Amino acid sequence: MRFNHWFFLSGVDVRTHGPAAAIVALGDSITDGHATPNNSNTRWPDDLARRLQADSATRNISVLNAGLGGNRLLRYGLGPDALARFDRDVLGQPGVRYLIVIEGVNDLGVATMHRPLSAAQNAALVHNIIGAYRQIILMAHEHGIKVFGGTITPFKGSNYYHPSAATLQDRREINDWIRAPGHFDAVVHFARAVRDPKHPQRLRPMFDSGDNLHPNPAGYEAMADAIPLSLFKPSTGPIGTRH
């Protein structure tokens, strides 16, 4: 078997000479950058980092990509779920002031991958996903971290998950909660950035990698462009608030 890439580095810590901060991008394969060419650095966190570096007001902010393929909020998938790895991947990282969360598509997809859910099971799934978001918000706020919720991107027509009408409705309900005031500190409209205007439950063809689930590099760039840099103000004090 031939491999064209291998993992050997999990992070880089650097000493700064002035105020600095970090953003954690917590997500699944859409954050990990599935469907991007190797060594191209064209995931949405990469594109966000380039935007930050190009602006003198945010040049002191780095982006930590905590995307994990197959990741879920509620259960282990291809590795620990988002709640289980929160301490390591968010709280354990130095300088974190901001958190962008885009999780949930795998929870929705896996739940109905082999059989449909009853109405009660669908309602429970939505309730539990929202409950996981609430926990993430609470844990981040306890450590002085602002949390920005990313809306779950469209995946109708996915040839991996084959989502039903009920699953797509679950996504709408969860996104409605994410967008509602009083939950996240701000909302990042990822779904709006990559959806097909004529068929909003689907990815826009120009942004689709071909599987109706993962964006392509142009789609990831559109996701990064949907993040207002005004959310990240220059750091003026000590890094982080640890309890």
C-alpha atoms as a PDB file:
ATOM      1  CA  MET A   1       0.000   0.000   0.000  1.00  0.00           C
ATOM      2  CA  ARG A   2       1.309   3.416  -0.958  1.00  0.00           C
ATOM      3  CA  PHE A   3       0.795   6.486   1.220  1.00  0.00           C
ATOM      4  CA  ASN A   4       1.184  10.017  -0.082  1.00  0.00           C
ATOM      5  CA  HIS A   5       1.005  11.693   3.321  1.00  0.00           C
ATOM      6  CA  TRP A   6       1.583  10.917   6.979  1.00  0.00           C
ATOM      7  CA  PHE A   7       0.912  12.643  10.282  1.00  0.00           C
ATOM      8  CA  PHE A   8       3.935  13.712  12.299  1.00  0.00           C
ATOM      9  CA  LEU A   9       3.083  17.085  13.860  1.00  0.00           C
ATOM     10  CA  SER A  10       0.120  17.913  16.067  1.00  0.00           C
ATOM     11  CA  GLY A  11       0.870  21.559  16.818  1.00  0.00           C
ATOM     12  CA  VAL A  12       3.445  24.317  17.082  1.00  0.00           C
ATOM     13  CA  ASP A  13       3.791  26.588  20.118  1.00  0.00           C
ATOM     14  CA  VAL A  14       5.744  29.820  19.740  1.00  0.00           C
ATOM     15  CA  ARG A  15       6.892  32.531  22.125  1.00  0.00           C
ATOM     16  CA  THR A  16       5.580  35.980  21.228  1.00  0.00           C
ATOM     17  CA  HIS A  17       6.988  39.426  21.939  1.00  0.00           C
ATOM     18  CA  GLY A  18       3.632  41.171  22.189  1.00  0.00           C
ATOM     19  CA  PRO A  19      -0.085  40.607  22.614  1.00  0.00           C
ATOM     20  CA  ALA A  20      -1.305  37.503  20.808  1.00  0.00           C
ATOM     21  CA  ALA A  21      -4.311  35.221  20.760  1.00  0.00           C
ATOM     22  CA  ALA A  22      -5.618  32.073  19.114  1.00  0.00           C
ATOM     23  CA  ILE A  23      -8.838  30.845  17.532  1.00  0.00           C
ATOM     24  CA  VAL A  24      -9.726  27.151  17.746  1.00  0.00           C
ATOM     25  CA  ALA A  25     -11.731  25.736  14.850  1.00  0.00           C
ATOM     26  CA  LEU A  26     -13.580  22.761  16.347  1.00  0.00           C
ATOM     27  CA  GLY A  27     -15.221  20.494  13.820  1.00  0.00           C
ATOM     28  CA  ASP A  28     -15.260  17.366  11.696  1.00  0.00           C
ATOM     29  CA  SER A  29     -13.926  16.537   8.220  1.00  0.00           C
ATOM     30  CA  ILE A  30     -15.347  19.784   6.844  1.00  0.00           C
ATOM     31  CA  THR A  31     -12.935  21.588   9.176  1.00  0.00           C
ATOM     32  CA  ASP A  32     -10.188  18.996   8.731  1.00  0.00           C
ATOM     33  CA  GLY A  33     -10.330  19.793   5.025  1.00  0.00           C
ATOM     34  CA  HIS A  34     -11.589  16.640   3.336  1.00  0.00           C
ATOM     35  CA  ALA A  35     -11.393  16.970  -0.468  1.00  0.00           C
ATOM     36  CA  THR A  36      -8.519  19.466  -0.455  1.00  0.00           C
ATOM     37  CA  PRO A  37      -5.300  18.517  -2.280  1.00  0.00           C
ATOM     38  CA  ASN A  38      -2.432  17.383  -0.073  1.00  0.00           C
ATOM     39  CA  ASN A  39      -0.110  20.188   1.032  1.00  0.00           C
ATOM     40  CA  SER A  40      -2.352  22.857  -0.493  1.00  0.00           C
ATOM     41  CA  ASN A  41      -3.453  24.364   2.846  1.00  0.00           C
ATOM     42  CA  THR A  42      -6.868  25.255   1.436  1.00  0.00           C
ATOM     43  CA  ARG A  43      -9.103  24.291   4.353  1.00  0.00           C
ATOM     44  CA  TRP A  44     -11.382  27.023   5.682  1.00  0.00           C
ATOM     45  CA  PRO A  45      -9.199  27.522   8.813  1.00  0.00           C
ATOM     46  CA  ASP A  46      -6.202  28.038   6.479  1.00  0.00           C
ATOM     47  CA  ASP A  47      -8.123  30.616   4.475  1.00  0.00           C
ATOM     48  CA  LEU A  48      -9.229  32.335   7.685  1.00  0.00           C
ATOM     49  CA  ALA A  49      -5.619  32.466   8.879  1.00  0.00           C
ATOM     50  CA  ARG A  50      -4.560  34.147   5.639  1.00  0.00           C
ATOM     51  CA  ARG A  51      -7.299  36.756   6.030  1.00  0.00           C
ATOM     52  CA  LEU A  52      -6.235  37.445   9.609  1.00  0.00           C
ATOM     53  CA  GLN A  53      -2.594  37.820   8.612  1.00  0.00           C
ATOM     54  CA  ALA A  54      -3.478  40.232   5.814  1.00  0.00           C
ATOM     55  CA  ASP A  55      -5.208  42.615   8.231  1.00  0.00           C
ATOM     56  CA  SER A  56      -2.968  44.635  10.543  1.00  0.00           C
ATOM     57  CA  ALA A  57      -5.691  44.669  13.214  1.00  0.00           C
ATOM     58  CA  THR A  58      -5.791  40.857  13.476  1.00  0.00           C
ATOM     59  CA  ARG A  59      -2.265  39.868  12.519  1.00  0.00           C
ATOM     60  CA  ASN A  60      -1.561  38.816  16.104  1.00  0.00           C
ATOM     61  CA  ILE A  61      -4.222  36.073  16.012  1.00  0.00           C
ATOM     62  CA  SER A  62      -3.485  32.498  14.962  1.00  0.00           C
ATOM     63  CA  VAL A  63      -5.851  29.680  13.991  1.00  0.00           C
ATOM     64  CA  LEU A  64      -5.664  26.199  15.505  1.00  0.00           C
ATOM     65  CA  ASN A  65      -7.366  23.578  13.343  1.00  0.00           C
ATOM     66  CA  ALA A  66      -9.074  21.050  15.629  1.00  0.00           C
ATOM     67  CA  GLY A  67     -11.020  19.392  12.834  1.00  0.00           C
ATOM     68  CA  LEU A  68     -11.291  15.613  13.053  1.00  0.00           C
ATOM     69  CA  GLY A  69     -12.713  13.510  10.238  1.00  0.00           C
ATOM     70  CA  GLY A  70     -15.883  11.684  11.246  1.00  0.00           C
ATOM     71  CA  ASN A  71     -16.172  13.666  14.462  1.00  0.00           C
ATOM     72  CA  ARG A  72     -19.471  13.894  16.288  1.00  0.00           C
ATOM     73  CA  LEU A  73     -20.866  15.841  19.204  1.00  0.00           C
ATOM     74  CA  LEU A  74     -22.585  13.011  21.025  1.00  0.00           C
ATOM     75  CA  ARG A  75     -20.649   9.795  20.444  1.00  0.00           C
ATOM     76  CA  TYR A  76     -17.226   8.539  19.515  1.00  0.00           C
ATOM     77  CA  GLY A  77     -16.743   8.240  15.769  1.00  0.00           C
ATOM     78  CA  LEU A  78     -13.293   8.142  14.223  1.00  0.00           C
ATOM     79  CA  GLY A  79     -11.898   9.308  17.537  1.00  0.00           C
ATOM     80  CA  PRO A  80     -13.312  10.987  20.642  1.00  0.00           C
ATOM     81  CA  ASP A  81     -16.423  13.130  20.323  1.00  0.00           C
ATOM     82  CA  ALA A  82     -16.202  16.910  20.547  1.00  0.00           C
ATOM     83  CA  LEU A  83     -17.151  17.022  24.223  1.00  0.00           C
ATOM     84  CA  ALA A  84     -14.636  14.331  25.168  1.00  0.00           C
ATOM     85  CA  ARG A  85     -11.750  16.100  23.440  1.00  0.00           C
ATOM     86  CA  PHE A  86     -12.712  19.633  24.459  1.00  0.00           C
ATOM     87  CA  ASP A  87     -10.213  19.857  27.314  1.00  0.00           C
ATOM     88  CA  ARG A  88      -7.316  18.738  25.129  1.00  0.00           C
ATOM     89  CA  ASP A  89      -8.131  20.497  21.877  1.00  0.00           C
ATOM     90  CA  VAL A  90      -9.554  23.759  23.214  1.00  0.00           C
ATOM     91  CA  LEU A  91      -8.827  24.420  26.877  1.00  0.00           C
ATOM     92  CA  GLY A  92      -5.406  22.782  26.726  1.00  0.00           C
ATOM     93  CA  GLN A  93      -4.148  25.040  23.950  1.00  0.00           C
ATOM     94  CA  PRO A  94      -2.255  28.227  24.885  1.00  0.00           C
ATOM     95  CA  GLY A  95      -3.627  31.652  24.108  1.00  0.00           C
ATOM     96  CA  VAL A  96      -7.142  30.630  23.101  1.00  0.00           C
ATOM     97  CA  ARG A  97      -9.597  33.521  23.188  1.00  0.00           C
ATOM     98  CA  TYR A  98     -12.042  32.454  20.495  1.00  0.00           C
ATOM     99  CA  LEU A  99     -13.750  29.234  19.435  1.00  0.00           C
ATOM    100  CA  ILE A 100     -15.602  28.516  16.189  1.00  0.00           C
ATOM    101  CA  VAL A 101     -17.759  25.384  16.336  1.00  0.00           C
ATOM    102  CA  ILE A 102     -19.184  23.595  13.311  1.00  0.00           C
ATOM    103  CA  GLU A 103     -20.254  20.118  14.380  1.00  0.00           C
ATOM    104  CA  GLY A 104     -23.349  17.971  14.028  1.00  0.00           C
ATOM    105  CA  VAL A 105     -23.571  16.782  10.443  1.00  0.00           C
ATOM    106  CA  ASN A 106     -22.132  13.383  11.372  1.00  0.00           C
ATOM    107  CA  ASP A 107     -24.495  13.037  14.326  1.00  0.00           C
ATOM    108  CA  LEU A 108     -27.394  13.626  11.944  1.00  0.00           C
ATOM    109  CA  GLY A 109     -26.041  11.461   9.153  1.00  0.00           C
ATOM    110  CA  VAL A 110     -24.961   8.443  11.184  1.00  0.00           C
ATOM    111  CA  ALA A 111     -28.237   8.344  13.121  1.00  0.00           C
ATOM    112  CA  THR A 112     -30.238   7.610   9.971  1.00  0.00           C
ATOM    113  CA  MET A 113     -27.556   5.998   7.828  1.00  0.00           C
ATOM    114  CA  HIS A 114     -29.076   2.516   7.985  1.00  0.00           C
ATOM    115  CA  ARG A 115     -32.651   3.048   9.159  1.00  0.00           C
ATOM    116  CA  PRO A 116     -35.043   5.956   9.693  1.00  0.00           C
ATOM    117  CA  LEU A 117     -35.758   7.329  13.144  1.00  0.00           C
ATOM    118  CA  SER A 118     -39.159   7.692  14.713  1.00  0.00           C
ATOM    119  CA  ALA A 119     -40.506  11.178  15.327  1.00  0.00           C
ATOM    120  CA  ALA A 120     -39.618  10.833  19.005  1.00  0.00           C
ATOM    121  CA  GLN A 121     -36.074   9.718  18.165  1.00  0.00           C
ATOM    122  CA  ASN A 122     -35.617  12.651  15.791  1.00  0.00           C
ATOM    123  CA  ALA A 123     -36.788  15.061  18.466  1.00  0.00           C
ATOM    124  CA  ALA A 124     -34.418  13.496  21.002  1.00  0.00           C
ATOM    125  CA  LEU A 125     -31.494  13.741  18.570  1.00  0.00           C
ATOM    126  CA  VAL A 126     -32.081  17.445  17.983  1.00  0.00           C
ATOM    127  CA  HIS A 127     -32.498  18.017  21.724  1.00  0.00           C
ATOM    128  CA  ASN A 128     -29.239  16.197  22.505  1.00  0.00           C
ATOM    129  CA  ILE A 129     -27.233  18.000  19.832  1.00  0.00           C
ATOM    130  CA  ILE A 130     -28.437  21.344  21.148  1.00  0.00           C
ATOM    131  CA  GLY A 131     -27.594  20.152  24.664  1.00  0.00           C
ATOM    132  CA  ALA A 132     -24.036  19.412  23.534  1.00  0.00           C
ATOM    133  CA  TYR A 133     -23.758  22.914  22.082  1.00  0.00           C
ATOM    134  CA  ARG A 134     -24.932  24.335  25.402  1.00  0.00           C
ATOM    135  CA  GLN A 135     -22.211  22.392  27.228  1.00  0.00           C
ATOM    136  CA  ILE A 136     -19.541  23.651  24.843  1.00  0.00           C
ATOM    137  CA  ILE A 137     -20.704  27.245  25.291  1.00  0.00           C
ATOM    138  CA  LEU A 138     -20.709  26.869  29.074  1.00  0.00           C
ATOM    139  CA  MET A 139     -17.242  25.287  29.234  1.00  0.00           C
ATOM    140  CA  ALA A 140     -15.760  27.916  26.940  1.00  0.00           C
ATOM    141  CA  HIS A 141     -17.312  30.814  28.833  1.00  0.00           C
ATOM    142  CA  GLU A 142     -16.023  29.434  32.126  1.00  0.00           C
ATOM    143  CA  HIS A 143     -12.534  29.909  30.686  1.00  0.00           C
ATOM    144  CA  GLY A 144     -13.062  33.331  29.167  1.00  0.00           C
ATOM    145  CA  ILE A 145     -13.384  32.086  25.588  1.00  0.00           C
ATOM    146  CA  LYS A 146     -15.890  33.587  23.162  1.00  0.00           C
ATOM    147  CA  VAL A 147     -17.822  30.979  21.176  1.00  0.00           C
ATOM    148  CA  PHE A 148     -19.079  31.450  17.640  1.00  0.00           C
ATOM    149  CA  GLY A 149     -21.553  28.922  16.255  1.00  0.00           C
ATOM    150  CA  GLY A 150     -21.242  27.828  12.651  1.00  0.00           C
ATOM    151  CA  THR A 151     -24.430  26.708  10.936  1.00  0.00           C
ATOM    152  CA  ILE A 152     -24.366  23.112   9.672  1.00  0.00           C
ATOM    153  CA  THR A 153     -23.773  23.091   5.929  1.00  0.00           C
ATOM    154  CA  PRO A 154     -26.241  21.442   3.497  1.00  0.00           C
ATOM    155  CA  PHE A 155     -25.880  17.771   2.627  1.00  0.00           C
ATOM    156  CA  LYS A 156     -28.975  16.756   0.711  1.00  0.00           C
ATOM    157  CA  GLY A 157     -28.031  14.206  -1.930  1.00  0.00           C
ATOM    158  CA  SER A 158     -25.051  12.930   0.060  1.00  0.00           C
ATOM    159  CA  ASN A 159     -24.123   9.580  -1.433  1.00  0.00           C
ATOM    160  CA  TYR A 160     -22.664   8.582   1.924  1.00  0.00           C
ATOM    161  CA  TYR A 161     -25.463   9.463   4.337  1.00  0.00           C
ATOM    162  CA  HIS A 162     -28.535   9.558   2.052  1.00  0.00           C
ATOM    163  CA  PRO A 163     -30.353  11.966   4.405  1.00  0.00           C
ATOM    164  CA  SER A 164     -34.128  11.724   4.629  1.00  0.00           C
ATOM    165  CA  ALA A 165     -36.567  14.626   4.680  1.00  0.00           C
ATOM    166  CA  ALA A 166     -36.727  14.251   8.475  1.00  0.00           C
ATOM    167  CA  THR A 167     -32.928  14.487   8.741  1.00  0.00           C
ATOM    168  CA  LEU A 168     -32.887  17.635   6.644  1.00  0.00           C
ATOM    169  CA  GLN A 169     -35.602  19.105   8.848  1.00  0.00           C
ATOM    170  CA  ASP A 170     -33.467  18.283  11.907  1.00  0.00           C
ATOM    171  CA  ARG A 171     -30.626  20.294  10.363  1.00  0.00           C
ATOM    172  CA  ARG A 172     -32.954  23.248   9.837  1.00  0.00           C
ATOM    173  CA  GLU A 173     -34.149  23.119  13.443  1.00  0.00           C
ATOM    174  CA  ILE A 174     -30.609  22.973  14.793  1.00  0.00           C
ATOM    175  CA  ASN A 175     -29.490  25.837  12.563  1.00  0.00           C
ATOM    176  CA  ASP A 176     -32.484  27.875  13.718  1.00  0.00           C
ATOM    177  CA  TRP A 177     -31.300  27.360  17.298  1.00  0.00           C
ATOM    178  CA  ILE A 178     -27.718  28.283  16.407  1.00  0.00           C
ATOM    179  CA  ARG A 179     -28.913  31.505  14.778  1.00  0.00           C
ATOM    180  CA  ALA A 180     -31.261  32.448  17.612  1.00  0.00           C
ATOM    181  CA  PRO A 181     -29.992  35.246  19.888  1.00  0.00           C
ATOM    182  CA  GLY A 182     -28.764  34.435  23.362  1.00  0.00           C
ATOM    183  CA  HIS A 183     -26.912  31.194  22.680  1.00  0.00           C
ATOM    184  CA  PHE A 184     -23.585  31.712  20.917  1.00  0.00           C
ATOM    185  CA  ASP A 185     -21.642  34.957  21.199  1.00  0.00           C
ATOM    186  CA  ALA A 186     -22.026  35.297  17.431  1.00  0.00           C
ATOM    187  CA  VAL A 187     -23.105  33.210  14.464  1.00  0.00           C
ATOM    188  CA  VAL A 188     -21.051  32.285  11.405  1.00  0.00           C
ATOM    189  CA  HIS A 189     -23.374  31.644   8.485  1.00  0.00           C
ATOM    190  CA  PHE A 190     -21.453  28.774   6.891  1.00  0.00           C
ATOM    191  CA  ALA A 191     -24.600  27.168   5.464  1.00  0.00           C
ATOM    192  CA  ARG A 192     -25.662  30.362   3.725  1.00  0.00           C
ATOM    193  CA  ALA A 193     -22.165  30.799   2.284  1.00  0.00           C
ATOM    194  CA  VAL A 194     -22.109  27.469   0.434  1.00  0.00           C
ATOM    195  CA  ARG A 195     -25.750  26.535  -0.176  1.00  0.00           C
ATOM    196  CA  ASP A 196     -27.338  26.419  -3.597  1.00  0.00           C
ATOM    197  CA  PRO A 197     -29.664  29.460  -3.818  1.00  0.00           C
ATOM    198  CA  LYS A 198     -32.173  27.438  -5.853  1.00  0.00           C
ATOM    199  CA  HIS A 199     -31.933  24.332  -3.662  1.00  0.00           C
ATOM    200  CA  PRO A 200     -30.842  25.506  -0.186  1.00  0.00           C
ATOM    201  CA  GLN A 201     -30.667  21.977   1.240  1.00  0.00           C
ATOM    202  CA  ARG A 202     -27.849  21.238  -1.216  1.00  0.00           C
ATOM    203  CA  LEU A 203     -24.340  22.554  -1.649  1.00  0.00           C
ATOM    204  CA  ARG A 204     -23.916  25.003  -4.477  1.00  0.00           C
ATOM    205  CA  PRO A 205     -22.431  23.038  -7.424  1.00  0.00           C
ATOM    206  CA  MET A 206     -19.433  25.375  -7.736  1.00  0.00           C
ATOM    207  CA  PHE A 207     -18.612  24.676  -4.056  1.00  0.00           C
ATOM    208  CA  ASP A 208     -19.313  20.914  -4.025  1.00  0.00           C
ATOM    209  CA  SER A 209     -16.408  18.456  -3.937  1.00  0.00           C
ATOM    210  CA  GLY A 210     -18.646  15.957  -5.711  1.00  0.00           C
ATOM    211  CA  ASP A 211     -20.088  14.024  -2.775  1.00  0.00           C
ATOM    212  CA  ASN A 212     -22.821  16.538  -1.831  1.00  0.00           C
ATOM    213  CA  LEU A 213     -21.361  16.687   1.674  1.00  0.00           C
ATOM    214  CA  HIS A 214     -17.881  18.208   1.650  1.00  0.00           C
ATOM    215  CA  PRO A 215     -17.080  21.550   0.044  1.00  0.00           C
ATOM    216  CA  ASN A 216     -14.208  21.864  -2.405  1.00  0.00           C
ATOM    217  CA  PRO A 217     -11.393  24.409  -1.936  1.00  0.00           C
ATOM    218  CA  ALA A 218     -13.561  27.187  -3.394  1.00  0.00           C
ATOM    219  CA  GLY A 219     -16.296  26.233  -0.939  1.00  0.00           C
ATOM    220  CA  TYR A 220     -13.883  26.302   1.976  1.00  0.00           C
ATOM    221  CA  GLU A 221     -12.723  29.745   0.903  1.00  0.00           C
ATOM    222  CA  ALA A 222     -16.354  30.903   0.836  1.00  0.00           C
ATOM    223  CA  MET A 223     -16.772  29.565   4.372  1.00  0.00           C
ATOM    224  CA  ALA A 224     -13.720  31.490   5.567  1.00  0.00           C
ATOM    225  CA  ASP A 225     -14.964  34.641   3.857  1.00  0.00           C
ATOM    226  CA  ALA A 226     -18.244  34.298   5.777  1.00  0.00           C
ATOM    227  CA  ILE A 227     -16.438  34.900   9.073  1.00  0.00           C
ATOM    228  CA  PRO A 228     -16.429  38.615   9.973  1.00  0.00           C
ATOM    229  CA  LEU A 229     -12.966  39.663  11.101  1.00  0.00           C
ATOM    230  CA  SER A 230     -14.684  42.196  13.337  1.00  0.00           C
ATOM    231  CA  LEU A 231     -15.365  39.294  15.718  1.00  0.00           C
ATOM    232  CA  PHE A 232     -11.681  39.211  16.600  1.00  0.00           C
ATOM    233  CA  LYS A 233     -10.485  42.345  18.308  1.00  0.00           C
ATOM    234  CA  PRO A 234      -6.803  42.975  19.014  1.00  0.00           C
ATOM    235  CA  SER A 235      -5.590  41.383  22.215  1.00  0.00           C
ATOM    236  CA  THR A 236      -4.583  43.957  24.821  1.00  0.00           C
ATOM    237  CA  GLY A 237      -4.176  41.970  28.010  1.00  0.00           C
ATOM    238  CA  PRO A 238      -2.996  38.658  29.418  1.00  0.00           C
ATOM    239  CA  ILE A 239      -3.723  35.622  27.302  1.00  0.00           C
ATOM    240  CA  GLY A 240      -6.797  33.652  28.300  1.00  0.00           C
ATOM    241  CA  THR A 241      -8.654  33.332  31.556  1.00  0.00           C
ATOM    242  CA  ARG A 242      -7.984  30.040  33.299  1.00  0.00           C
ATOM    243  CA  HIS A 243      -9.963  28.751  36.260  1.00  0.00           C
END
